[in-house]
């Protein structure tokens, strides 16, 4: 199981880099792609990914990933990497408040 996850992870990273995503120098799990005023950010954690971005780039990123990988879209995340995510009209709010004992 661990070998399969590592193989998938390596293949995903190679794919993202070939698609023009840049790895964040501070957080190695974050990959970003910008085009003019559009962007997509993909956060990779073991065998899970979370994708955020502007509507056009978000749709493109998801469609391309689904063509390359077998994926299940779990819709909007409420929790990811110990962060609570709240969707607002003008953006997204992340907090870790109340998640740590």
C-alpha atoms as a PDB file:
ATOM      1  CA  UNK A   1       0.000   0.000   0.000  1.00  0.00           C
ATOM      2  CA  UNK A   2       2.759   2.471   0.929  1.00  0.00           C
ATOM      3  CA  UNK A   3       4.633   1.754  -2.309  1.00  0.00           C
ATOM      4  CA  UNK A   4       1.456   2.351  -4.352  1.00  0.00           C
ATOM      5  CA  UNK A   5       0.841   5.691  -2.602  1.00  0.00           C
ATOM      6  CA  UNK A   6       4.448   6.786  -3.139  1.00  0.00           C
ATOM      7  CA  UNK A   7       4.263   5.804  -6.835  1.00  0.00           C
ATOM      8  CA  UNK A   8       0.999   7.756  -7.249  1.00  0.00           C
ATOM      9  CA  UNK A   9       2.427  10.750  -5.388  1.00  0.00           C
ATOM     10  CA  UNK A  10       5.577  10.830  -7.546  1.00  0.00           C
ATOM     11  CA  UNK A  11       3.515  10.519 -10.734  1.00  0.00           C
ATOM     12  CA  UNK A  12       1.216  13.350  -9.603  1.00  0.00           C
ATOM     13  CA  UNK A  13       4.142  15.661  -8.818  1.00  0.00           C
ATOM     14  CA  UNK A  14       5.778  14.937 -12.181  1.00  0.00           C
ATOM     15  CA  UNK A  15       2.448  15.619 -13.919  1.00  0.00           C
ATOM     16  CA  UNK A  16       1.922  18.930 -12.079  1.00  0.00           C
ATOM     17  CA  UNK A  17       5.417  20.166 -12.925  1.00  0.00           C
ATOM     18  CA  UNK A  18       4.938  19.192 -16.592  1.00  0.00           C
ATOM     19  CA  UNK A  19       1.615  21.087 -16.615  1.00  0.00           C
ATOM     20  CA  UNK A  20       3.382  24.279 -15.521  1.00  0.00           C
ATOM     21  CA  UNK A  21       2.688  24.234 -11.791  1.00  0.00           C
ATOM     22  CA  UNK A  22       5.445  25.618  -9.593  1.00  0.00           C
ATOM     23  CA  UNK A  23       6.316  24.082  -6.277  1.00  0.00           C
ATOM     24  CA  UNK A  24       6.157  26.523  -3.383  1.00  0.00           C
ATOM     25  CA  UNK A  25       9.693  26.966  -1.979  1.00  0.00           C
ATOM     26  CA  UNK A  26       8.452  27.141   1.624  1.00  0.00           C
ATOM     27  CA  UNK A  27       5.711  24.498   1.645  1.00  0.00           C
ATOM     28  CA  UNK A  28       6.642  21.499  -0.483  1.00  0.00           C
ATOM     29  CA  UNK A  29       3.044  20.230  -0.552  1.00  0.00           C
ATOM     30  CA  UNK A  30       1.770  23.321  -2.436  1.00  0.00           C
ATOM     31  CA  UNK A  31       1.778  23.665  -6.248  1.00  0.00           C
ATOM     32  CA  UNK A  32       0.645  26.868  -7.956  1.00  0.00           C
ATOM     33  CA  UNK A  33      -0.137  27.859 -11.513  1.00  0.00           C
ATOM     34  CA  UNK A  34      -0.946  31.410 -12.635  1.00  0.00           C
ATOM     35  CA  UNK A  35      -2.168  32.756 -15.933  1.00  0.00           C
ATOM     36  CA  UNK A  36      -2.831  36.499 -16.079  1.00  0.00           C
ATOM     37  CA  UNK A  37      -5.451  37.093 -13.343  1.00  0.00           C
ATOM     38  CA  UNK A  38      -6.319  33.403 -13.031  1.00  0.00           C
ATOM     39  CA  UNK A  39      -4.719  30.830 -10.710  1.00  0.00           C
ATOM     40  CA  UNK A  40      -4.993  27.305  -9.361  1.00  0.00           C
ATOM     41  CA  UNK A  41      -3.395  26.013  -6.182  1.00  0.00           C
ATOM     42  CA  UNK A  42      -3.102  22.299  -5.513  1.00  0.00           C
ATOM     43  CA  UNK A  43      -2.231  21.105  -2.022  1.00  0.00           C
ATOM     44  CA  UNK A  44      -0.969  17.531  -1.891  1.00  0.00           C
ATOM     45  CA  UNK A  45      -1.015  15.486   1.314  1.00  0.00           C
ATOM     46  CA  UNK A  46      -0.035  11.826   0.954  1.00  0.00           C
ATOM     47  CA  UNK A  47      -2.771  10.594  -1.418  1.00  0.00           C
ATOM     48  CA  UNK A  48      -5.232  13.463  -0.977  1.00  0.00           C
ATOM     49  CA  UNK A  49      -5.363  16.741  -2.848  1.00  0.00           C
ATOM     50  CA  UNK A  50      -7.244  19.960  -2.253  1.00  0.00           C
ATOM     51  CA  UNK A  51      -7.671  22.353  -5.179  1.00  0.00           C
ATOM     52  CA  UNK A  52      -8.541  26.043  -4.923  1.00  0.00           C
ATOM     53  CA  UNK A  53      -8.473  28.756  -7.534  1.00  0.00           C
ATOM     54  CA  UNK A  54     -10.380  31.124  -9.746  1.00  0.00           C
ATOM     55  CA  UNK A  55     -13.412  29.526 -11.432  1.00  0.00           C
ATOM     56  CA  UNK A  56     -11.828  29.062 -14.909  1.00  0.00           C
ATOM     57  CA  UNK A  57      -8.505  27.653 -13.683  1.00  0.00           C
ATOM     58  CA  UNK A  58     -10.207  25.532 -11.054  1.00  0.00           C
ATOM     59  CA  UNK A  59     -12.418  23.886 -13.690  1.00  0.00           C
ATOM     60  CA  UNK A  60      -9.456  23.369 -16.049  1.00  0.00           C
ATOM     61  CA  UNK A  61      -7.312  21.857 -13.283  1.00  0.00           C
ATOM     62  CA  UNK A  62     -10.023  19.426 -12.187  1.00  0.00           C
ATOM     63  CA  UNK A  63     -10.890  18.388 -15.760  1.00  0.00           C
ATOM     64  CA  UNK A  64      -7.241  17.771 -16.665  1.00  0.00           C
ATOM     65  CA  UNK A  65      -6.532  15.841 -13.470  1.00  0.00           C
ATOM     66  CA  UNK A  66      -9.596  13.638 -14.048  1.00  0.00           C
ATOM     67  CA  UNK A  67      -8.328  12.789 -17.552  1.00  0.00           C
ATOM     68  CA  UNK A  68      -4.929  11.755 -16.180  1.00  0.00           C
ATOM     69  CA  UNK A  69      -5.876  10.151 -12.845  1.00  0.00           C
ATOM     70  CA  UNK A  70      -8.758   8.209 -11.402  1.00  0.00           C
ATOM     71  CA  UNK A  71     -10.240  10.676  -8.953  1.00  0.00           C
ATOM     72  CA  UNK A  72     -13.238  11.112  -6.736  1.00  0.00           C
ATOM     73  CA  UNK A  73     -14.519  14.661  -6.275  1.00  0.00           C
ATOM     74  CA  UNK A  74     -15.641  15.063  -2.682  1.00  0.00           C
ATOM     75  CA  UNK A  75     -16.886  18.612  -3.336  1.00  0.00           C
ATOM     76  CA  UNK A  76     -16.015  21.404  -0.935  1.00  0.00           C
ATOM     77  CA  UNK A  77     -13.765  20.476   1.953  1.00  0.00           C
ATOM     78  CA  UNK A  78     -14.822  21.493   5.452  1.00  0.00           C
ATOM     79  CA  UNK A  79     -11.622  20.280   7.127  1.00  0.00           C
ATOM     80  CA  UNK A  80      -8.190  19.797   5.541  1.00  0.00           C
ATOM     81  CA  UNK A  81      -4.815  19.373   7.261  1.00  0.00           C
ATOM     82  CA  UNK A  82      -6.287  20.361  10.632  1.00  0.00           C
ATOM     83  CA  UNK A  83      -7.779  23.526   9.183  1.00  0.00           C
ATOM     84  CA  UNK A  84     -11.457  24.364   9.248  1.00  0.00           C
ATOM     85  CA  UNK A  85     -12.638  25.907   5.985  1.00  0.00           C
ATOM     86  CA  UNK A  86     -15.572  28.296   5.743  1.00  0.00           C
ATOM     87  CA  UNK A  87     -16.904  29.435   2.358  1.00  0.00           C
ATOM     88  CA  UNK A  88     -17.983  33.071   2.253  1.00  0.00           C
ATOM     89  CA  UNK A  89     -19.518  35.172  -0.533  1.00  0.00           C
ATOM     90  CA  UNK A  90     -16.251  37.034  -1.102  1.00  0.00           C
ATOM     91  CA  UNK A  91     -13.749  34.267  -0.472  1.00  0.00           C
ATOM     92  CA  UNK A  92     -12.640  31.475   1.794  1.00  0.00           C
ATOM     93  CA  UNK A  93     -11.779  31.677   5.486  1.00  0.00           C
ATOM     94  CA  UNK A  94      -9.365  29.158   7.048  1.00  0.00           C
ATOM     95  CA  UNK A  95      -8.993  28.710  10.782  1.00  0.00           C
ATOM     96  CA  UNK A  96      -7.487  26.220  13.195  1.00  0.00           C
ATOM     97  CA  UNK A  97      -9.385  27.629  16.178  1.00  0.00           C
ATOM     98  CA  UNK A  98     -11.069  24.954  18.252  1.00  0.00           C
ATOM     99  CA  UNK A  99      -9.331  22.082  16.449  1.00  0.00           C
ATOM    100  CA  UNK A 100      -6.496  21.681  18.934  1.00  0.00           C
ATOM    101  CA  UNK A 101      -6.923  20.420  22.484  1.00  0.00           C
END
